[in-house]
Protein backbone atom coordinates (compact mmCIF):
# COMPACT_ATOMS: atom_id res chain seq x y z
CA UNK A 1 -20.35 37.70 10.75
CA UNK A 2 -20.60 35.79 7.48
CA UNK A 3 -18.32 32.98 6.47
CA UNK A 4 -15.28 33.99 4.38
CA UNK A 5 -15.52 33.29 0.68
CA UNK A 6 -12.61 31.46 -0.89
CA UNK A 7 -11.82 31.84 -4.55
CA UNK A 8 -10.77 28.71 -6.35
CA UNK A 9 -10.37 28.47 -10.14
CA UNK A 10 -12.94 31.16 -10.70
CA UNK A 11 -15.55 29.49 -8.51
CA UNK A 12 -16.41 31.03 -5.17
CA UNK A 13 -17.09 28.48 -2.48
CA UNK A 14 -18.00 29.01 1.11
CA UNK A 15 -16.03 26.99 3.63
CA UNK A 16 -17.47 25.90 6.95
CA UNK A 17 -17.81 28.31 9.80
CA UNK A 18 -14.71 28.27 12.05
CA UNK A 19 -16.74 27.81 15.25
CA UNK A 20 -19.81 25.70 14.48
CA UNK A 21 -19.31 22.10 13.36
CA UNK A 22 -21.91 22.19 10.60
CA UNK A 23 -23.05 25.24 8.65
CA UNK A 24 -26.74 26.13 8.87
CA UNK A 25 -28.70 25.59 5.66
CA UNK A 26 -29.11 28.73 3.56
CA UNK A 27 -32.58 27.79 2.32
CA UNK A 28 -34.90 24.89 1.91
CA UNK A 29 -33.59 23.38 -1.34
CA UNK A 30 -32.60 19.74 -1.58
CA UNK A 31 -28.89 20.71 -1.73
CA UNK A 32 -28.95 22.39 1.70
CA UNK A 33 -28.50 19.15 3.61
CA UNK A 34 -26.60 15.92 2.85
CA UNK A 35 -28.48 13.41 0.74
CA UNK A 36 -30.29 10.86 2.89
CA UNK A 37 -28.24 8.07 1.30
CA UNK A 38 -25.00 9.73 2.48
CA UNK A 39 -25.98 10.08 6.14
CA UNK A 40 -24.94 6.54 7.32
CA UNK A 41 -21.52 6.89 5.67
CA UNK A 42 -20.95 10.37 7.10
CA UNK A 43 -22.00 9.14 10.55
CA UNK A 44 -19.56 6.21 10.43
CA UNK A 45 -16.74 8.51 9.35
CA UNK A 46 -17.57 10.84 12.23
CA UNK A 47 -17.53 8.06 14.87
CA UNK A 48 -14.34 6.46 13.54
CA UNK A 49 -12.39 7.70 16.63
CA UNK A 50 -14.71 5.67 18.88
CA UNK A 51 -13.96 2.55 16.82
CA UNK A 52 -10.24 3.27 17.30
CA UNK A 53 -10.63 3.22 21.08
CA UNK A 54 -11.64 -0.46 20.88
CA UNK A 55 -9.58 -1.36 17.85
CA UNK A 56 -7.92 -4.40 19.42
CA UNK A 57 -11.33 -6.00 19.87
CA UNK A 58 -11.68 -8.02 16.66
CA UNK A 59 -15.47 -7.76 16.45
CA UNK A 60 -15.26 -3.96 16.52
CA UNK A 61 -12.72 -3.50 13.72
CA UNK A 62 -14.20 -6.11 11.39
CA UNK A 63 -17.73 -4.97 12.12
CA UNK A 64 -16.81 -1.35 11.46
CA UNK A 65 -15.34 -2.14 8.03
CA UNK A 66 -18.40 -4.23 7.17
CA UNK A 67 -20.77 -1.41 8.12
CA UNK A 68 -18.62 1.06 6.23
CA UNK A 69 -18.82 -1.13 3.11
CA UNK A 70 -22.62 -1.29 3.25
CA UNK A 71 -22.87 2.45 3.92
CA UNK A 72 -20.55 3.19 1.01
CA UNK A 73 -22.65 1.16 -1.45
CA UNK A 74 -25.87 2.65 -0.08
CA UNK A 75 -24.48 6.16 -0.46
CA UNK A 76 -23.07 5.63 -3.95
CA UNK A 77 -26.19 4.08 -5.46
CA UNK A 78 -28.38 6.52 -3.56
CA UNK A 79 -26.47 9.45 -5.04
CA UNK A 80 -26.87 8.03 -8.55
CA UNK A 81 -30.59 7.49 -7.97
CA UNK A 82 -31.04 11.05 -6.70
CA UNK A 83 -29.06 12.51 -9.59
CA UNK A 84 -26.09 13.84 -7.61
CA UNK A 85 -22.91 14.82 -9.42
CA UNK A 86 -20.36 12.05 -9.98
CA UNK A 87 -16.79 12.61 -8.87
CA UNK A 88 -14.66 11.96 -11.95
CA UNK A 89 -11.72 10.97 -9.74
CA UNK A 90 -13.48 7.72 -8.81
CA UNK A 91 -12.21 6.20 -12.05
CA UNK A 92 -8.69 6.12 -10.61
CA UNK A 93 -10.00 4.19 -7.60
CA UNK A 94 -10.53 1.07 -9.74
CA UNK A 95 -6.81 0.73 -10.45
CA UNK A 96 -6.10 1.48 -6.79
CA UNK A 97 -8.44 -1.31 -5.68
CA UNK A 98 -6.52 -3.68 -7.95
CA UNK A 99 -3.25 -2.71 -6.27
CA UNK A 100 -4.76 -3.28 -2.82
CA UNK A 101 -5.95 -6.75 -3.86
CA UNK A 102 -2.51 -7.65 -5.21
CA UNK A 103 -0.86 -6.40 -2.03
CA UNK A 104 -3.28 -8.40 0.09
CA UNK A 105 -2.44 -11.63 -1.76
CA UNK A 106 1.26 -10.86 -1.45
CA UNK A 107 0.90 -10.55 2.33
CA UNK A 108 -1.34 -13.63 2.39
CA UNK A 109 1.39 -15.58 0.58
CA UNK A 110 3.94 -14.46 3.18
CA UNK A 111 1.58 -15.62 5.94
CA UNK A 112 1.25 -19.06 4.30
CA UNK A 113 5.01 -19.51 3.75
CA UNK A 114 6.31 -18.06 7.02
CA UNK A 115 3.23 -18.17 9.24
CA UNK A 116 1.28 -15.22 10.50
CA UNK A 117 -2.15 -14.01 11.43
CA UNK A 118 -4.81 -12.55 9.14
CA UNK A 119 -5.38 -9.80 11.69
CA UNK A 120 -1.88 -8.49 10.93
CA UNK A 121 -2.73 -8.39 7.22
CA UNK A 122 -5.96 -6.55 8.03
CA UNK A 123 -4.10 -3.90 10.02
CA UNK A 124 -1.69 -3.27 7.16
CA UNK A 125 -4.32 -3.16 4.39
CA UNK A 126 -7.26 -1.58 6.25
CA UNK A 127 -6.20 2.10 5.83
CA UNK A 128 -6.16 1.66 2.05
CA UNK A 129 -9.54 -0.10 2.14
CA UNK A 130 -10.96 2.65 4.35
CA UNK A 131 -9.79 5.33 1.90
CA UNK A 132 -11.38 3.54 -1.06
CA UNK A 133 -14.72 2.95 0.67
CA UNK A 134 -15.07 6.53 1.86
CA UNK A 135 -13.67 8.27 -1.24
CA UNK A 136 -15.81 6.15 -3.55
CA UNK A 137 -19.11 7.33 -2.08
CA UNK A 138 -18.38 10.52 -0.18
CA UNK A 139 -19.93 13.81 -1.18
CA UNK A 140 -19.05 17.42 -0.43
CA UNK A 141 -20.22 17.01 3.19
CA UNK A 142 -17.42 14.63 4.09
CA UNK A 143 -15.16 17.44 5.29
CA UNK A 144 -17.74 18.30 7.98
CA UNK A 145 -18.04 14.68 9.14
CA UNK A 146 -14.24 14.47 9.40
CA UNK A 147 -14.10 17.71 11.39
CA UNK A 148 -16.83 16.48 13.75
CA UNK A 149 -14.83 13.27 14.19
CA UNK A 150 -11.69 15.29 14.94
CA UNK A 151 -13.51 17.23 17.66
CA UNK A 152 -15.01 13.99 18.98
CA UNK A 153 -11.55 12.43 19.21
CA UNK A 154 -10.31 15.14 21.52
CA UNK A 155 -13.47 15.78 23.56
CA UNK A 156 -14.34 12.14 24.27
CA UNK A 157 -10.81 11.33 25.39
CA UNK A 158 -10.72 14.42 27.57
CA UNK A 159 -14.08 13.49 29.12
CA UNK A 160 -13.17 9.88 29.82
CA UNK A 161 -9.60 10.48 30.97
CA UNK A 162 -10.44 10.95 34.69
CA UNK A 163 -12.35 7.66 34.91
CA UNK A 164 -9.34 5.40 34.36
CA UNK A 165 -6.05 7.02 35.20
CA UNK A 166 -2.83 6.52 37.04
CA UNK A 167 0.94 6.62 36.68
CA UNK A 168 2.78 3.73 35.05
CA UNK A 169 6.47 3.16 34.41
CA UNK A 170 7.49 2.32 30.83
CA UNK A 171 11.23 1.67 30.95
CA UNK A 172 12.80 4.86 32.25
CA UNK A 173 9.79 7.00 31.37
CA UNK A 174 6.97 7.77 33.79
CA UNK A 175 3.70 7.97 31.85
CA UNK A 176 0.17 8.97 32.74
CA UNK A 177 -2.29 6.17 31.90
CA UNK A 178 -5.62 7.26 30.45
CA UNK A 179 -8.63 5.22 29.36
CA UNK A 180 -7.10 4.60 25.94
CA UNK A 181 -4.66 1.70 26.15
CA UNK A 182 -2.26 2.93 23.48
CA UNK A 183 -1.43 6.27 25.04
CA UNK A 184 1.13 7.31 22.44
CA UNK A 185 -1.22 6.28 19.62
CA UNK A 186 -3.88 8.54 21.08
CA UNK A 187 -1.51 11.49 21.42
CA UNK A 188 -0.42 10.94 17.82
CA UNK A 189 -4.06 10.86 16.63
CA UNK A 190 -4.76 14.10 18.50
CA UNK A 191 -2.09 15.88 16.43
CA UNK A 192 -3.94 14.83 13.27
CA UNK A 193 -7.33 15.74 14.74
CA UNK A 194 -6.12 19.24 15.52
CA UNK A 195 -4.73 19.55 11.99
CA UNK A 196 -8.09 18.51 10.46
CA UNK A 197 -10.04 21.07 12.46
CA UNK A 198 -7.46 23.74 11.64
CA UNK A 199 -8.00 22.94 7.95
CA UNK A 200 -11.74 23.36 8.45
CA UNK A 201 -11.29 26.76 10.13
CA UNK A 202 -8.79 28.01 7.50
CA UNK A 203 -6.06 27.79 10.18
CA UNK A 204 -7.56 30.73 12.08
CA UNK A 205 -7.09 30.55 15.83
CA UNK A 206 -10.78 30.56 16.72
CA UNK A 207 -11.93 29.90 20.32
CA UNK A 208 -12.89 26.32 19.42
CA UNK A 209 -9.55 25.60 17.74
CA UNK A 210 -7.65 27.14 20.66
CA UNK A 211 -9.64 24.99 23.10
CA UNK A 212 -9.02 21.83 21.07
CA UNK A 213 -5.31 22.60 20.84
CA UNK A 214 -5.12 23.12 24.60
CA UNK A 215 -7.01 19.88 25.36
CA UNK A 216 -4.87 17.92 22.90
CA UNK A 217 -1.69 19.44 24.34
CA UNK A 218 -2.65 18.45 27.90
CA UNK A 219 -3.25 14.84 26.87
CA UNK A 220 -0.02 14.73 24.88
CA UNK A 221 1.86 16.00 27.94
CA UNK A 222 0.21 13.32 30.07
CA UNK A 223 1.09 10.60 27.55
CA UNK A 224 4.73 11.75 27.93
CA UNK A 225 5.70 10.66 24.42
CA UNK A 226 8.85 12.42 23.29
CA UNK A 227 8.11 12.17 19.58
CA UNK A 228 4.55 13.42 20.01
CA UNK A 229 5.79 16.58 21.72
CA UNK A 230 7.80 17.30 18.58
CA UNK A 231 4.94 16.30 16.26
CA UNK A 232 2.46 18.57 18.03
CA UNK A 233 4.93 21.45 17.96
CA UNK A 234 5.19 21.08 14.17
CA UNK A 235 1.38 21.14 13.94
CA UNK A 236 1.19 24.36 15.99
CA UNK A 237 3.92 26.09 13.96
CA UNK A 238 2.19 25.11 10.71
CA UNK A 239 -1.20 26.40 11.89
CA UNK A 240 0.32 29.68 13.08
CA UNK A 241 2.15 30.44 9.85
CA UNK A 242 -0.74 29.37 7.61
CA UNK A 243 -3.21 31.46 9.62
CA UNK A 244 -1.00 34.54 9.59
CA UNK A 245 1.11 36.00 12.37
CA UNK A 246 -0.28 38.92 14.35
CA UNK A 247 0.33 40.52 17.73
CA UNK A 248 -3.01 39.18 19.03
CA UNK A 249 -2.09 35.68 17.85
CA UNK A 250 1.28 35.87 19.63
CA UNK A 251 -0.51 36.88 22.85
CA UNK A 252 -2.96 33.97 22.52
CA UNK A 253 -0.21 31.45 21.95
CA UNK A 254 1.82 32.94 24.77
CA UNK A 255 -1.10 32.38 27.14
CA UNK A 256 -1.65 28.85 25.81
CA UNK A 257 1.98 27.83 26.32
CA UNK A 258 2.03 29.57 29.68
CA UNK A 259 -0.89 27.42 30.87
CA UNK A 260 0.79 24.28 29.50
CA UNK A 261 4.05 25.19 31.24
CA UNK A 262 2.14 25.58 34.51
CA UNK A 263 0.57 22.14 34.03
CA UNK A 264 3.98 20.59 33.43
CA UNK A 265 5.34 22.22 36.59
CA UNK A 266 2.42 20.94 38.67
CA UNK A 267 2.18 17.43 37.21
CA UNK A 268 5.85 16.52 36.92
CA UNK A 269 8.74 16.68 39.32
CA UNK A 270 10.42 19.94 38.19
CA UNK A 271 13.87 18.60 39.13
CA UNK A 272 13.47 15.77 36.61
CA UNK A 273 11.34 17.69 34.11
CA UNK A 274 9.83 14.90 31.97
CA UNK A 275 11.99 12.09 33.32
CA UNK A 276 14.01 11.44 30.16
CA UNK A 277 17.50 10.15 30.88
CA UNK A 278 19.53 11.42 27.93
CA UNK A 279 22.82 10.22 29.45
CA UNK A 280 21.91 6.57 28.85
CA UNK A 281 21.06 5.76 25.23
CA UNK A 282 19.54 2.37 26.05
CA UNK A 283 17.32 3.88 28.76
CA UNK A 284 16.43 6.91 26.64
CA UNK A 285 15.30 4.76 23.69
CA UNK A 286 13.67 2.20 26.03
CA UNK A 287 15.79 -0.58 24.51
CA UNK A 288 15.10 0.41 20.90
CA UNK A 289 18.77 1.02 20.15
CA UNK A 290 19.52 -2.64 20.94
CA UNK A 291 16.64 -3.84 18.75
CA UNK A 292 17.73 -1.65 15.80
CA UNK A 293 21.32 -2.86 16.05
CA UNK A 294 20.26 -6.52 16.12
CA UNK A 295 17.85 -6.07 13.21
CA UNK A 296 20.48 -4.36 11.06
CA UNK A 297 22.84 -7.26 11.71
CA UNK A 298 20.13 -9.77 10.77
CA UNK A 299 19.05 -7.90 7.63
CA UNK A 300 22.62 -7.54 6.32
CA UNK A 301 22.90 -11.34 6.47
CA UNK A 302 19.77 -11.88 4.33
CA UNK A 303 19.86 -14.20 1.36
CA UNK A 304 18.94 -12.66 -2.06
CA UNK A 305 15.41 -14.12 -1.73
CA UNK A 306 15.01 -12.67 1.76
CA UNK A 307 16.16 -9.27 0.53
CA UNK A 308 13.35 -9.38 -2.02
CA UNK A 309 10.51 -10.78 0.13
CA UNK A 310 11.65 -10.57 3.76
CA UNK A 311 11.06 -13.14 6.51
CA UNK A 312 7.26 -12.95 6.89
CA UNK A 313 4.96 -10.77 8.97
CA UNK A 314 6.80 -11.61 12.20
CA UNK A 315 10.25 -11.46 10.61
CA UNK A 316 11.43 -8.52 12.72
CA UNK A 317 10.66 -10.38 15.97
CA UNK A 318 12.39 -13.53 14.65
CA UNK A 319 15.51 -11.55 13.73
CA UNK A 320 15.52 -9.82 17.12
CA UNK A 321 15.44 -13.21 18.85
CA UNK A 322 18.21 -14.63 16.65
CA UNK A 323 20.58 -11.71 17.18
CA UNK A 324 19.79 -10.51 20.70
CA UNK A 325 22.03 -10.90 23.70
CA UNK A 326 21.05 -11.92 27.20
CA UNK A 327 18.94 -9.36 29.10
CA UNK A 328 18.11 -7.45 25.93
CA UNK A 329 14.48 -6.63 25.25
CA UNK A 330 12.96 -8.63 22.39
CA UNK A 331 10.22 -6.82 20.56
CA UNK A 332 9.15 -5.68 17.11
CA UNK A 333 11.36 -3.42 15.01
CA UNK A 334 10.13 -0.10 16.47
CA UNK A 335 11.16 1.40 13.13
CA UNK A 336 8.99 1.38 10.05
CA UNK A 337 11.74 0.95 7.46
CA UNK A 338 13.50 -1.84 9.37
CA UNK A 339 10.14 -3.52 9.93
CA UNK A 340 9.22 -3.44 6.24
CA UNK A 341 12.62 -4.76 5.14
CA UNK A 342 12.56 -7.54 7.74
CA UNK A 343 8.99 -8.66 7.10
CA UNK A 344 8.26 -7.87 3.45
CA UNK A 345 11.64 -7.21 1.88
CA UNK A 346 12.34 -4.69 -0.87
CA UNK A 347 9.38 -5.83 -2.97
CA UNK A 348 6.82 -5.41 -0.17
CA UNK A 349 8.35 -2.09 0.94
CA UNK A 350 7.98 -0.67 -2.58
CA UNK A 351 4.41 -1.99 -2.83
CA UNK A 352 3.45 -0.41 0.50
CA UNK A 353 5.09 2.93 -0.41
CA UNK A 354 3.40 3.07 -3.84
CA UNK A 355 -0.04 2.63 -2.22
CA UNK A 356 0.57 5.62 0.05
CA UNK A 357 1.94 7.75 -2.79
CA UNK A 358 -1.10 7.03 -4.97
CA UNK A 359 -3.45 7.81 -2.07
CA UNK A 360 -1.60 11.08 -1.53
CA UNK A 361 -1.98 12.01 -5.21
CA UNK A 362 -5.67 11.06 -5.36
CA UNK A 363 -6.32 13.36 -2.41
CA UNK A 364 -4.83 16.46 -3.99
CA UNK A 365 -5.84 18.72 -6.78
CA UNK A 366 -3.82 21.53 -8.39
CA UNK A 367 -6.58 24.07 -7.72
CA UNK A 368 -6.58 23.57 -3.96
CA UNK A 369 -7.03 26.85 -2.01
CA UNK A 370 -3.81 28.43 -0.83
CA UNK A 371 -4.76 28.19 2.85
CA UNK A 372 -5.10 24.39 2.52
CA UNK A 373 -1.84 23.73 0.69
CA UNK A 374 0.87 21.99 2.66
CA UNK A 375 -1.56 20.25 5.04
CA UNK A 376 -1.02 16.86 3.41
CA UNK A 377 2.77 17.30 3.48
CA UNK A 378 2.69 18.12 7.20
CA UNK A 379 0.48 15.09 7.90
CA UNK A 380 2.91 12.92 5.92
CA UNK A 381 5.77 14.34 7.98
CA UNK A 382 3.92 13.30 11.17
CA UNK A 383 3.60 9.81 9.73
CA UNK A 384 7.30 9.58 8.81
CA UNK A 385 8.44 10.88 12.19
CA UNK A 386 6.25 8.35 13.99
CA UNK A 387 7.77 5.61 11.84
CA UNK A 388 11.29 6.44 13.09
CA UNK A 389 10.68 4.93 16.53
CA UNK A 390 7.70 2.62 16.10
CA UNK A 391 5.96 0.36 13.61
CA UNK A 392 3.08 2.16 11.92
CA UNK A 393 2.31 -0.29 9.11
CA UNK A 394 0.85 -2.95 11.40
CA UNK A 395 -0.99 -0.61 13.77
CA UNK A 396 -4.06 0.86 12.13
CA UNK A 397 -4.40 3.36 14.97
CA UNK A 398 -1.24 4.98 13.59
CA UNK A 399 -2.05 4.76 9.88
CA UNK A 400 -5.73 5.72 9.83
CA UNK A 401 -5.18 9.33 11.10
CA UNK A 402 -3.12 10.11 7.98
CA UNK A 403 -5.92 8.69 5.82
CA UNK A 404 -8.41 10.97 7.60
CA UNK A 405 -6.35 14.06 6.69
CA UNK A 406 -6.02 12.96 3.07
CA UNK A 407 -9.76 12.31 2.91
CA UNK A 408 -10.38 15.80 4.33
CA UNK A 409 -8.27 17.27 1.54
CA UNK A 410 -10.10 15.19 -1.04
CA UNK A 411 -13.42 16.27 0.47
CA UNK A 412 -12.32 19.88 0.31
CA UNK A 413 -11.62 19.42 -3.39
CA UNK A 414 -15.03 17.77 -3.81
CA UNK A 415 -16.70 20.92 -2.49
CA UNK A 416 -14.97 22.84 -5.26
CA UNK A 417 -15.64 20.27 -7.99
CA UNK A 418 -19.36 20.04 -7.20
CA UNK A 419 -20.03 23.72 -6.49
CA UNK A 420 -21.76 24.43 -9.77
CA UNK A 421 -23.92 21.31 -9.68
CA UNK A 422 -24.87 21.25 -6.01
CA UNK A 423 -24.30 24.71 -4.64
CA UNK A 424 -22.44 25.73 -1.52
CA UNK A 425 -22.73 23.63 1.68
CA UNK A 426 -23.87 26.70 3.60
């Protein structure tokens, strides 16, 4: 069966096959395969999930960005040398780079005045840097590298899960420990990975997509993260409605959820279901309700200068200490908005939000195929939901997945923009 043809602004483009990761070349022309100069960049984008697994190791994260920078320059100048089409949207990246630099120096100033580590600044800024480096030099093959990375995220974690496992108690919640230290971060990334592959397959429930969804669902169940259950459910509903509802699809999803229900019954004590104590707010939120209350008290007592610029990169922890009572857990804000207000104030919060909005706009194009529309909004919803109960701005493992989806959308647009000059990828 041939790949479906998608019409977009009068140009017919062929999207990737739903089952295979990369489409076979149609002939032997130079446009059938990625340019040699693009291969290192595409490879690094594909293996990004492996870098995430060791993100807390400084040498890995800094080394990855360094390699990505070199690969981006190599790809960009290689494309120019080989006469590849230039993406006109790269002009807007120059202004975006300027904003990132200004934001970096703002955070650096906070670190000097209030104290703080450069690694925290790196975590906050790195998603924007990653977007610039990849978008600047990526070609129409980027969507396939991102899809391969999405599959790799799920498959590698599924393969390694049995080698380091066990049950741990986090507050009142019993959680299954896998090889990846940040279990909830992993489950969150799997929601995005599934969304990226669904975009690649036009949201059709192919055997590969169904398998990936099942594997991601199992790991999300094992991570026992309440918010990620809800996030993954939103992803499934979106994929179903975008792909079209049919009797066969209902049967497939019924079987999928039946298998997942069986797993839940076997893995968890059925009398306690998932072990969430909803009768005790403090236990249910794992102490977050106390932290939020204390932070709100501290923020309302800010001076005008603190309202503008916050209390530094560790301001939320400082406020929690100053306003906490005995026996209360002292930790970071566990809420993105409270964290931004406490650490960066109104000025920094606006700066951070503007960078995301501009990235969102640079990733979209008005001629995007109908089946792809709404994907970015759903990914942004994931991001916002995650920010309700945790800090996403200082954990790159929570911010980079959103960037990957936006890059996939930008790459999808690049396929359309370059169709006449370079031909179809398959």
